[in-house]
Amino acid sequence: MSQQEASNVTEQLTVRTYQPGDHKAVSRLYGTGLLAGQLAANDTGADIENMHAAYFSDDANHFWVAEMDHHIVGMIGVARDEGHTAEIRRLRVDPGWQQHSEIAARLLEAAIFHCKQHDYLKVVLDTRFEKSAALGFFDRFGFQHTRSKQHADKELLEFYVDLYRQPKLEGE
């Protein structure tokens, strides 16, 4: 991808709060992200079926979509996990747009900003991205890889970031 193409994606991309009219596109993205087409044992998909209860009944939770040319190309949610810990959920980018890492980055930036604004101290997430790609991507945001688990012949990677820790300054 050229510098110009990346710049065009950045300029045209909008990350905004989920609206009920987005449900069909969000359901499609959820379906394309299922592990081997199957629900994980602990994933009922109930949050996707009832977005308001899952992401909008508590101000500390939220859900966003990434939009390009009036098409939903990505999504991400934040839900309280325990106490002052948030869980990043449903980070998805449409397969046709996955070569544009800026989409996932902008979604993750929105979610982390929200977590900071709502006084979360820690953020956790898990992903099935290829390990080397995931490590590099999440490292950009300060996430630490905590462990990996095998599930349905795929590796599930778990990450966290402590929001209360200040980044190291150069020379420290």
N, C-alpha and C. Protein backbone atom coordinates (compact mmCIF):
# COMPACT_ATOMS: atom_id res chain seq x y z
N MET A 1 0.85 -1.18 0.00
CA MET A 1 0.00 0.00 0.00
C MET A 1 0.90 1.24 0.00
N SER A 2 0.57 2.16 -0.84
CA SER A 2 1.35 3.38 -0.95
C SER A 2 1.02 4.35 0.17
N GLN A 3 1.90 5.31 0.35
CA GLN A 3 1.68 6.37 1.35
C GLN A 3 0.38 7.12 1.05
N GLN A 4 0.12 7.35 -0.23
CA GLN A 4 -1.09 8.07 -0.65
C GLN A 4 -2.35 7.27 -0.30
N GLU A 5 -2.33 5.94 -0.54
CA GLU A 5 -3.48 5.09 -0.21
C GLU A 5 -3.74 5.11 1.29
N ALA A 6 -2.69 5.01 2.09
CA ALA A 6 -2.83 5.04 3.54
C ALA A 6 -3.41 6.37 4.00
N SER A 7 -2.95 7.45 3.39
CA SER A 7 -3.45 8.78 3.73
C SER A 7 -4.93 8.91 3.38
N ASN A 8 -5.35 8.38 2.22
CA ASN A 8 -6.75 8.43 1.82
C ASN A 8 -7.63 7.68 2.80
N VAL A 9 -7.18 6.50 3.27
CA VAL A 9 -7.96 5.74 4.25
C VAL A 9 -8.11 6.55 5.52
N THR A 10 -7.03 7.14 5.99
CA THR A 10 -7.06 7.93 7.22
C THR A 10 -8.03 9.10 7.10
N GLU A 11 -8.00 9.78 5.98
CA GLU A 11 -8.87 10.95 5.77
C GLU A 11 -10.33 10.57 5.64
N GLN A 12 -10.63 9.44 5.03
CA GLN A 12 -12.01 9.03 4.77
C GLN A 12 -12.63 8.24 5.91
N LEU A 13 -11.83 7.74 6.81
CA LEU A 13 -12.30 6.89 7.89
C LEU A 13 -12.97 7.71 8.99
N THR A 14 -14.14 7.26 9.41
CA THR A 14 -14.84 7.85 10.54
C THR A 14 -15.07 6.78 11.59
N VAL A 15 -14.68 7.05 12.81
CA VAL A 15 -15.01 6.17 13.93
C VAL A 15 -16.08 6.89 14.72
N ARG A 16 -17.22 6.23 14.87
CA ARG A 16 -18.36 6.86 15.53
C ARG A 16 -19.10 5.85 16.40
N THR A 17 -19.94 6.36 17.27
CA THR A 17 -20.75 5.52 18.14
C THR A 17 -21.74 4.70 17.30
N TYR A 18 -21.90 3.46 17.68
CA TYR A 18 -22.87 2.55 17.06
C TYR A 18 -24.27 3.15 17.12
N GLN A 19 -25.01 2.97 16.04
CA GLN A 19 -26.42 3.36 15.96
C GLN A 19 -27.23 2.11 15.61
N PRO A 20 -28.50 2.04 16.01
CA PRO A 20 -29.30 0.85 15.70
C PRO A 20 -29.31 0.47 14.22
N GLY A 21 -29.23 1.42 13.33
CA GLY A 21 -29.19 1.12 11.90
C GLY A 21 -27.93 0.39 11.46
N ASP A 22 -26.92 0.30 12.33
CA ASP A 22 -25.67 -0.39 12.04
C ASP A 22 -25.74 -1.88 12.34
N HIS A 23 -26.86 -2.33 12.92
CA HIS A 23 -26.92 -3.70 13.46
C HIS A 23 -26.62 -4.77 12.41
N LYS A 24 -27.17 -4.65 11.23
CA LYS A 24 -26.94 -5.67 10.20
C LYS A 24 -25.46 -5.79 9.87
N ALA A 25 -24.79 -4.66 9.69
CA ALA A 25 -23.36 -4.68 9.37
C ALA A 25 -22.54 -5.21 10.53
N VAL A 26 -22.89 -4.84 11.76
CA VAL A 26 -22.18 -5.33 12.94
C VAL A 26 -22.37 -6.84 13.08
N SER A 27 -23.57 -7.32 12.85
CA SER A 27 -23.83 -8.77 12.92
C SER A 27 -23.01 -9.51 11.87
N ARG A 28 -22.88 -8.93 10.68
CA ARG A 28 -22.08 -9.54 9.62
C ARG A 28 -20.61 -9.61 10.03
N LEU A 29 -20.09 -8.50 10.57
CA LEU A 29 -18.68 -8.50 11.02
C LEU A 29 -18.46 -9.50 12.15
N TYR A 30 -19.42 -9.57 13.05
CA TYR A 30 -19.32 -10.55 14.14
C TYR A 30 -19.23 -11.95 13.56
N GLY A 31 -20.09 -12.26 12.61
CA GLY A 31 -20.10 -13.59 11.99
C GLY A 31 -18.81 -13.92 11.27
N THR A 32 -18.23 -12.96 10.58
CA THR A 32 -16.98 -13.23 9.86
C THR A 32 -15.81 -13.43 10.81
N GLY A 33 -15.95 -12.96 12.04
CA GLY A 33 -14.85 -13.10 13.00
C GLY A 33 -14.94 -14.32 13.89
N LEU A 34 -15.98 -15.12 13.73
CA LEU A 34 -16.11 -16.31 14.56
C LEU A 34 -14.97 -17.28 14.28
N LEU A 35 -14.47 -17.87 15.32
CA LEU A 35 -13.37 -18.82 15.22
C LEU A 35 -13.86 -20.07 14.48
N ALA A 36 -13.34 -20.31 13.30
CA ALA A 36 -13.71 -21.46 12.49
C ALA A 36 -15.22 -21.55 12.30
N GLY A 37 -15.88 -20.38 12.29
CA GLY A 37 -17.32 -20.37 12.08
C GLY A 37 -18.13 -20.81 13.29
N GLN A 38 -17.48 -21.02 14.41
CA GLN A 38 -18.16 -21.52 15.60
C GLN A 38 -18.04 -20.53 16.74
N LEU A 39 -19.02 -20.53 17.61
CA LEU A 39 -18.93 -19.74 18.83
C LEU A 39 -17.96 -20.42 19.79
N ALA A 40 -17.15 -19.61 20.46
CA ALA A 40 -16.31 -20.16 21.52
C ALA A 40 -17.22 -20.56 22.67
N ALA A 41 -16.73 -21.43 23.52
CA ALA A 41 -17.55 -21.95 24.63
C ALA A 41 -18.11 -20.83 25.50
N ASN A 42 -17.35 -19.77 25.69
CA ASN A 42 -17.79 -18.68 26.57
C ASN A 42 -18.38 -17.51 25.79
N ASP A 43 -18.70 -17.69 24.52
CA ASP A 43 -19.19 -16.59 23.68
C ASP A 43 -20.57 -16.93 23.14
N THR A 44 -21.58 -16.30 23.68
CA THR A 44 -22.94 -16.55 23.23
C THR A 44 -23.37 -15.59 22.13
N GLY A 45 -22.65 -14.50 21.97
CA GLY A 45 -23.05 -13.48 21.00
C GLY A 45 -24.22 -12.64 21.49
N ALA A 46 -24.60 -12.80 22.76
CA ALA A 46 -25.75 -12.08 23.31
C ALA A 46 -25.55 -10.56 23.27
N ASP A 47 -24.31 -10.11 23.39
CA ASP A 47 -24.07 -8.66 23.34
C ASP A 47 -24.42 -8.09 21.97
N ILE A 48 -24.15 -8.83 20.93
CA ILE A 48 -24.46 -8.36 19.57
C ILE A 48 -25.98 -8.32 19.36
N GLU A 49 -26.67 -9.25 19.96
CA GLU A 49 -28.13 -9.29 19.82
C GLU A 49 -28.83 -8.23 20.66
N ASN A 50 -28.19 -7.76 21.70
CA ASN A 50 -28.79 -6.74 22.56
C ASN A 50 -27.75 -5.67 22.88
N MET A 51 -27.43 -4.88 21.86
CA MET A 51 -26.38 -3.88 21.96
C MET A 51 -26.65 -2.85 23.06
N HIS A 52 -27.90 -2.42 23.20
CA HIS A 52 -28.19 -1.39 24.19
C HIS A 52 -27.85 -1.88 25.59
N ALA A 53 -28.31 -3.05 25.96
CA ALA A 53 -28.04 -3.57 27.31
C ALA A 53 -26.56 -3.81 27.52
N ALA A 54 -25.88 -4.31 26.50
CA ALA A 54 -24.47 -4.66 26.65
C ALA A 54 -23.54 -3.45 26.67
N TYR A 55 -23.84 -2.42 25.86
CA TYR A 55 -22.88 -1.35 25.68
C TYR A 55 -23.38 0.06 25.97
N PHE A 56 -24.68 0.23 26.20
CA PHE A 56 -25.18 1.59 26.38
C PHE A 56 -26.03 1.79 27.64
N SER A 57 -26.19 0.77 28.46
CA SER A 57 -26.95 0.93 29.70
C SER A 57 -26.05 1.41 30.84
N ASP A 58 -24.75 1.41 30.63
CA ASP A 58 -23.76 1.87 31.61
C ASP A 58 -22.79 2.77 30.85
N ASP A 59 -22.62 4.01 31.32
CA ASP A 59 -21.74 4.96 30.62
C ASP A 59 -20.30 4.46 30.48
N ALA A 60 -19.88 3.54 31.34
CA ALA A 60 -18.51 3.03 31.28
C ALA A 60 -18.32 2.03 30.14
N ASN A 61 -19.40 1.56 29.54
CA ASN A 61 -19.35 0.66 28.38
C ASN A 61 -19.64 1.48 27.13
N HIS A 62 -19.21 0.98 25.98
CA HIS A 62 -19.49 1.71 24.73
C HIS A 62 -19.19 0.81 23.54
N PHE A 63 -19.69 1.20 22.37
CA PHE A 63 -19.45 0.45 21.13
C PHE A 63 -19.33 1.44 19.97
N TRP A 64 -18.32 1.22 19.12
CA TRP A 64 -18.06 2.10 17.99
C TRP A 64 -18.03 1.28 16.70
N VAL A 65 -18.24 1.98 15.60
CA VAL A 65 -18.04 1.40 14.28
C VAL A 65 -17.08 2.30 13.51
N ALA A 66 -16.36 1.69 12.58
CA ALA A 66 -15.51 2.43 11.65
C ALA A 66 -16.24 2.43 10.32
N GLU A 67 -16.33 3.61 9.71
CA GLU A 67 -17.11 3.76 8.49
C GLU A 67 -16.26 4.38 7.40
N MET A 68 -16.37 3.81 6.19
CA MET A 68 -15.73 4.35 4.99
C MET A 68 -16.80 4.42 3.91
N ASP A 69 -16.99 5.59 3.34
CA ASP A 69 -17.96 5.76 2.25
C ASP A 69 -19.31 5.15 2.59
N HIS A 70 -19.79 5.41 3.80
CA HIS A 70 -21.10 4.94 4.27
C HIS A 70 -21.20 3.43 4.41
N HIS A 71 -20.07 2.74 4.51
CA HIS A 71 -20.03 1.30 4.75
C HIS A 71 -19.29 1.03 6.05
N ILE A 72 -19.84 0.15 6.88
CA ILE A 72 -19.20 -0.23 8.13
C ILE A 72 -18.07 -1.20 7.79
N VAL A 73 -16.84 -0.82 8.15
CA VAL A 73 -15.67 -1.65 7.84
C VAL A 73 -14.96 -2.16 9.09
N GLY A 74 -15.45 -1.76 10.27
CA GLY A 74 -14.84 -2.23 11.50
C GLY A 74 -15.70 -1.92 12.69
N MET A 75 -15.36 -2.54 13.82
CA MET A 75 -16.12 -2.31 15.05
C MET A 75 -15.26 -2.65 16.26
N ILE A 76 -15.69 -2.12 17.42
CA ILE A 76 -15.01 -2.42 18.69
C ILE A 76 -15.95 -2.04 19.83
N GLY A 77 -15.86 -2.78 20.92
CA GLY A 77 -16.65 -2.46 22.10
C GLY A 77 -15.79 -2.46 23.35
N VAL A 78 -16.28 -1.77 24.38
CA VAL A 78 -15.66 -1.76 25.70
C VAL A 78 -16.74 -2.13 26.69
N ALA A 79 -16.43 -3.08 27.57
CA ALA A 79 -17.35 -3.48 28.63
C ALA A 79 -16.57 -3.64 29.93
N ARG A 80 -17.21 -3.26 31.03
CA ARG A 80 -16.57 -3.44 32.34
C ARG A 80 -16.35 -4.92 32.57
N ASP A 81 -15.13 -5.27 32.97
CA ASP A 81 -14.80 -6.66 33.27
C ASP A 81 -14.98 -6.89 34.76
N GLU A 82 -14.10 -6.33 35.57
CA GLU A 82 -14.20 -6.40 37.02
C GLU A 82 -13.66 -5.10 37.59
N GLY A 83 -14.39 -4.49 38.49
CA GLY A 83 -13.93 -3.27 39.14
C GLY A 83 -13.48 -2.22 38.17
N HIS A 84 -12.19 -1.90 38.21
CA HIS A 84 -11.61 -0.86 37.35
C HIS A 84 -10.92 -1.44 36.12
N THR A 85 -11.36 -2.63 35.71
CA THR A 85 -10.80 -3.27 34.52
C THR A 85 -11.84 -3.29 33.41
N ALA A 86 -11.42 -2.87 32.22
CA ALA A 86 -12.28 -2.90 31.04
C ALA A 86 -11.82 -4.02 30.12
N GLU A 87 -12.77 -4.56 29.38
CA GLU A 87 -12.44 -5.56 28.37
C GLU A 87 -12.74 -4.97 27.00
N ILE A 88 -11.76 -5.03 26.11
CA ILE A 88 -11.97 -4.67 24.71
C ILE A 88 -12.62 -5.90 24.07
N ARG A 89 -13.76 -5.66 23.42
CA ARG A 89 -14.49 -6.77 22.82
C ARG A 89 -14.78 -6.48 21.36
N ARG A 90 -14.89 -7.51 20.59
CA ARG A 90 -15.40 -7.46 19.22
C ARG A 90 -14.59 -6.57 18.27
N LEU A 91 -13.28 -6.47 18.50
CA LEU A 91 -12.45 -5.73 17.53
C LEU A 91 -12.44 -6.53 16.24
N ARG A 92 -13.06 -5.97 15.22
CA ARG A 92 -13.15 -6.63 13.92
C ARG A 92 -12.93 -5.59 12.82
N VAL A 93 -12.26 -6.01 11.77
CA VAL A 93 -12.14 -5.22 10.55
C VAL A 93 -12.58 -6.13 9.41
N ASP A 94 -13.40 -5.60 8.54
CA ASP A 94 -13.89 -6.36 7.39
C ASP A 94 -12.71 -6.97 6.65
N PRO A 95 -12.79 -8.25 6.26
CA PRO A 95 -11.66 -8.89 5.58
C PRO A 95 -11.15 -8.11 4.37
N GLY A 96 -12.01 -7.43 3.66
CA GLY A 96 -11.58 -6.65 2.50
C GLY A 96 -10.79 -5.40 2.86
N TRP A 97 -10.78 -5.05 4.12
CA TRP A 97 -10.08 -3.84 4.58
C TRP A 97 -8.94 -4.14 5.57
N GLN A 98 -8.67 -5.40 5.83
CA GLN A 98 -7.69 -5.74 6.87
C GLN A 98 -6.26 -5.33 6.53
N GLN A 99 -5.98 -5.07 5.27
CA GLN A 99 -4.63 -4.62 4.92
C GLN A 99 -4.38 -3.19 5.40
N HIS A 100 -5.44 -2.50 5.82
CA HIS A 100 -5.33 -1.13 6.31
C HIS A 100 -5.31 -1.16 7.85
N SER A 101 -4.14 -1.30 8.44
CA SER A 101 -4.04 -1.42 9.89
C SER A 101 -4.54 -0.16 10.60
N GLU A 102 -4.63 0.94 9.88
CA GLU A 102 -5.10 2.19 10.48
C GLU A 102 -6.55 2.07 10.99
N ILE A 103 -7.34 1.22 10.37
CA ILE A 103 -8.73 1.05 10.81
C ILE A 103 -8.76 0.47 12.22
N ALA A 104 -8.07 -0.63 12.44
CA ALA A 104 -8.01 -1.23 13.77
C ALA A 104 -7.36 -0.28 14.77
N ALA A 105 -6.34 0.44 14.32
CA ALA A 105 -5.65 1.38 15.22
C ALA A 105 -6.60 2.49 15.68
N ARG A 106 -7.35 3.06 14.77
CA ARG A 106 -8.28 4.13 15.14
C ARG A 106 -9.38 3.62 16.07
N LEU A 107 -9.87 2.42 15.83
CA LEU A 107 -10.87 1.83 16.73
C LEU A 107 -10.28 1.63 18.12
N LEU A 108 -9.08 1.08 18.18
CA LEU A 108 -8.44 0.84 19.47
C LEU A 108 -8.14 2.15 20.20
N GLU A 109 -7.73 3.18 19.48
CA GLU A 109 -7.50 4.49 20.09
C GLU A 109 -8.78 5.03 20.72
N ALA A 110 -9.91 4.91 20.02
CA ALA A 110 -11.19 5.38 20.57
C ALA A 110 -11.53 4.62 21.85
N ALA A 111 -11.32 3.31 21.83
CA ALA A 111 -11.65 2.50 23.00
C ALA A 111 -10.75 2.84 24.19
N ILE A 112 -9.46 3.00 23.97
CA ILE A 112 -8.54 3.32 25.06
C ILE A 112 -8.83 4.71 25.61
N PHE A 113 -9.11 5.67 24.74
CA PHE A 113 -9.47 7.01 25.19
C PHE A 113 -10.70 6.94 26.09
N HIS A 114 -11.70 6.19 25.68
CA HIS A 114 -12.92 6.01 26.48
C HIS A 114 -12.58 5.41 27.85
N CYS A 115 -11.72 4.40 27.85
CA CYS A 115 -11.34 3.76 29.12
C CYS A 115 -10.65 4.75 30.06
N LYS A 116 -9.80 5.58 29.53
CA LYS A 116 -9.12 6.59 30.35
C LYS A 116 -10.14 7.59 30.89
N GLN A 117 -11.08 8.01 30.05
CA GLN A 117 -12.10 8.99 30.47
C GLN A 117 -13.03 8.43 31.54
N HIS A 118 -13.15 7.11 31.61
CA HIS A 118 -14.03 6.47 32.59
C HIS A 118 -13.26 5.82 33.73
N ASP A 119 -12.02 6.26 33.91
CA ASP A 119 -11.18 5.88 35.05
C ASP A 119 -10.91 4.39 35.19
N TYR A 120 -10.89 3.68 34.08
CA TYR A 120 -10.42 2.30 34.14
C TYR A 120 -8.92 2.34 34.39
N LEU A 121 -8.43 1.37 35.15
CA LEU A 121 -7.00 1.29 35.45
C LEU A 121 -6.29 0.27 34.57
N LYS A 122 -7.05 -0.69 34.07
CA LYS A 122 -6.47 -1.77 33.29
C LYS A 122 -7.44 -2.12 32.16
N VAL A 123 -6.88 -2.51 31.01
CA VAL A 123 -7.67 -2.94 29.87
C VAL A 123 -7.14 -4.31 29.44
N VAL A 124 -8.06 -5.25 29.23
CA VAL A 124 -7.69 -6.59 28.77
C VAL A 124 -8.37 -6.86 27.44
N LEU A 125 -7.77 -7.76 26.67
CA LEU A 125 -8.38 -8.21 25.42
C LEU A 125 -7.78 -9.54 25.04
N ASP A 126 -8.50 -10.25 24.19
CA ASP A 126 -7.92 -11.45 23.58
C ASP A 126 -8.18 -11.39 22.09
N THR A 127 -7.33 -12.07 21.35
CA THR A 127 -7.42 -12.02 19.89
C THR A 127 -6.92 -13.31 19.29
N ARG A 128 -7.32 -13.54 18.07
CA ARG A 128 -6.85 -14.69 17.30
C ARG A 128 -5.98 -14.26 16.13
N PHE A 129 -5.50 -13.00 16.15
CA PHE A 129 -4.58 -12.54 15.11
C PHE A 129 -3.37 -13.45 15.09
N GLU A 130 -2.69 -13.49 13.96
CA GLU A 130 -1.41 -14.19 13.91
C GLU A 130 -0.50 -13.57 14.96
N LYS A 131 0.22 -14.41 15.67
CA LYS A 131 0.98 -13.96 16.83
C LYS A 131 1.93 -12.81 16.52
N SER A 132 2.74 -12.93 15.49
CA SER A 132 3.72 -11.86 15.21
C SER A 132 3.02 -10.55 14.86
N ALA A 133 1.93 -10.61 14.11
CA ALA A 133 1.19 -9.40 13.76
C ALA A 133 0.54 -8.79 15.00
N ALA A 134 -0.05 -9.63 15.84
CA ALA A 134 -0.72 -9.13 17.04
C ALA A 134 0.28 -8.50 18.00
N LEU A 135 1.42 -9.15 18.21
CA LEU A 135 2.41 -8.60 19.14
C LEU A 135 2.85 -7.22 18.70
N GLY A 136 3.15 -7.05 17.43
CA GLY A 136 3.59 -5.75 16.93
C GLY A 136 2.50 -4.70 17.02
N PHE A 137 1.27 -5.07 16.65
CA PHE A 137 0.17 -4.12 16.65
C PHE A 137 -0.17 -3.67 18.06
N PHE A 138 -0.39 -4.59 18.98
CA PHE A 138 -0.81 -4.21 20.33
C PHE A 138 0.32 -3.58 21.13
N ASP A 139 1.55 -3.92 20.80
CA ASP A 139 2.70 -3.28 21.45
C ASP A 139 2.70 -1.77 21.19
N ARG A 140 2.23 -1.34 20.02
CA ARG A 140 2.15 0.09 19.71
C ARG A 140 1.31 0.85 20.73
N PHE A 141 0.39 0.16 21.37
CA PHE A 141 -0.52 0.79 22.33
C PHE A 141 -0.16 0.46 23.77
N GLY A 142 0.98 -0.18 23.98
CA GLY A 142 1.45 -0.48 25.33
C GLY A 142 0.93 -1.78 25.92
N PHE A 143 0.24 -2.60 25.13
CA PHE A 143 -0.29 -3.86 25.63
C PHE A 143 0.83 -4.88 25.82
N GLN A 144 0.68 -5.69 26.85
CA GLN A 144 1.61 -6.77 27.14
C GLN A 144 0.91 -8.09 26.84
N HIS A 145 1.62 -9.00 26.20
CA HIS A 145 1.09 -10.34 25.94
C HIS A 145 1.21 -11.14 27.24
N THR A 146 0.09 -11.65 27.75
CA THR A 146 0.13 -12.37 29.02
C THR A 146 0.19 -13.88 28.85
N ARG A 147 -0.57 -14.41 27.88
CA ARG A 147 -0.52 -15.85 27.66
C ARG A 147 -1.21 -16.18 26.34
N SER A 148 -1.00 -17.43 25.92
CA SER A 148 -1.63 -17.95 24.71
C SER A 148 -2.33 -19.25 25.07
N LYS A 149 -3.47 -19.50 24.41
CA LYS A 149 -4.21 -20.75 24.61
C LYS A 149 -4.59 -21.29 23.25
N GLN A 150 -4.65 -22.60 23.13
CA GLN A 150 -5.12 -23.22 21.89
C GLN A 150 -6.62 -23.41 21.96
N HIS A 151 -7.31 -23.08 20.86
CA HIS A 151 -8.76 -23.27 20.78
C HIS A 151 -9.12 -23.58 19.34
N ALA A 152 -9.67 -24.76 19.11
CA ALA A 152 -10.10 -25.15 17.76
C ALA A 152 -8.98 -24.96 16.74
N ASP A 153 -7.80 -25.46 17.05
CA ASP A 153 -6.64 -25.38 16.15
C ASP A 153 -6.17 -23.96 15.87
N LYS A 154 -6.59 -23.00 16.67
CA LYS A 154 -6.11 -21.62 16.53
C LYS A 154 -5.58 -21.18 17.89
N GLU A 155 -4.65 -20.24 17.83
CA GLU A 155 -4.06 -19.72 19.06
C GLU A 155 -4.81 -18.46 19.49
N LEU A 156 -5.26 -18.45 20.74
CA LEU A 156 -5.93 -17.30 21.34
C LEU A 156 -4.89 -16.57 22.19
N LEU A 157 -4.63 -15.30 21.86
CA LEU A 157 -3.63 -14.51 22.56
C LEU A 157 -4.31 -13.54 23.51
N GLU A 158 -3.84 -13.48 24.74
CA GLU A 158 -4.41 -12.55 25.72
C GLU A 158 -3.42 -11.44 26.02
N PHE A 159 -3.94 -10.21 26.11
CA PHE A 159 -3.14 -9.01 26.33
C PHE A 159 -3.76 -8.15 27.42
N TYR A 160 -2.94 -7.27 28.01
CA TYR A 160 -3.43 -6.26 28.94
C TYR A 160 -2.55 -5.02 28.85
N VAL A 161 -3.12 -3.90 29.29
CA VAL A 161 -2.34 -2.67 29.44
C VAL A 161 -2.81 -2.01 30.74
N ASP A 162 -1.86 -1.54 31.53
CA ASP A 162 -2.16 -0.79 32.74
C ASP A 162 -2.21 0.68 32.36
N LEU A 163 -3.37 1.30 32.50
CA LEU A 163 -3.52 2.71 32.11
C LEU A 163 -2.95 3.66 33.15
N TYR A 164 -2.75 3.20 34.37
CA TYR A 164 -2.24 4.08 35.42
C TYR A 164 -0.73 4.24 35.36
N ARG A 165 -0.05 3.42 34.59
CA ARG A 165 1.40 3.52 34.48
C ARG A 165 1.77 4.54 33.44
N GLN A 166 2.70 5.38 33.75
CA GLN A 166 3.18 6.38 32.81
C GLN A 166 4.19 5.73 31.87
N PRO A 167 4.16 6.06 30.59
CA PRO A 167 5.15 5.50 29.68
C PRO A 167 6.55 5.97 30.05
N LYS A 168 7.52 5.12 29.80
CA LYS A 168 8.92 5.48 30.07
C LYS A 168 9.35 6.57 29.10
N LEU A 169 10.07 7.52 29.64
CA LEU A 169 10.63 8.58 28.79
C LEU A 169 11.97 8.09 28.24
N GLU A 170 12.37 8.61 27.10
CA GLU A 170 13.65 8.21 26.54
C GLU A 170 14.76 8.51 27.53
N GLY A 171 15.68 7.56 27.66
CA GLY A 171 16.81 7.73 28.55
C GLY A 171 16.55 7.22 29.96
N GLU A 172 15.33 6.76 30.24
CA GLU A 172 15.07 6.23 31.59
C GLU A 172 15.45 4.78 31.67
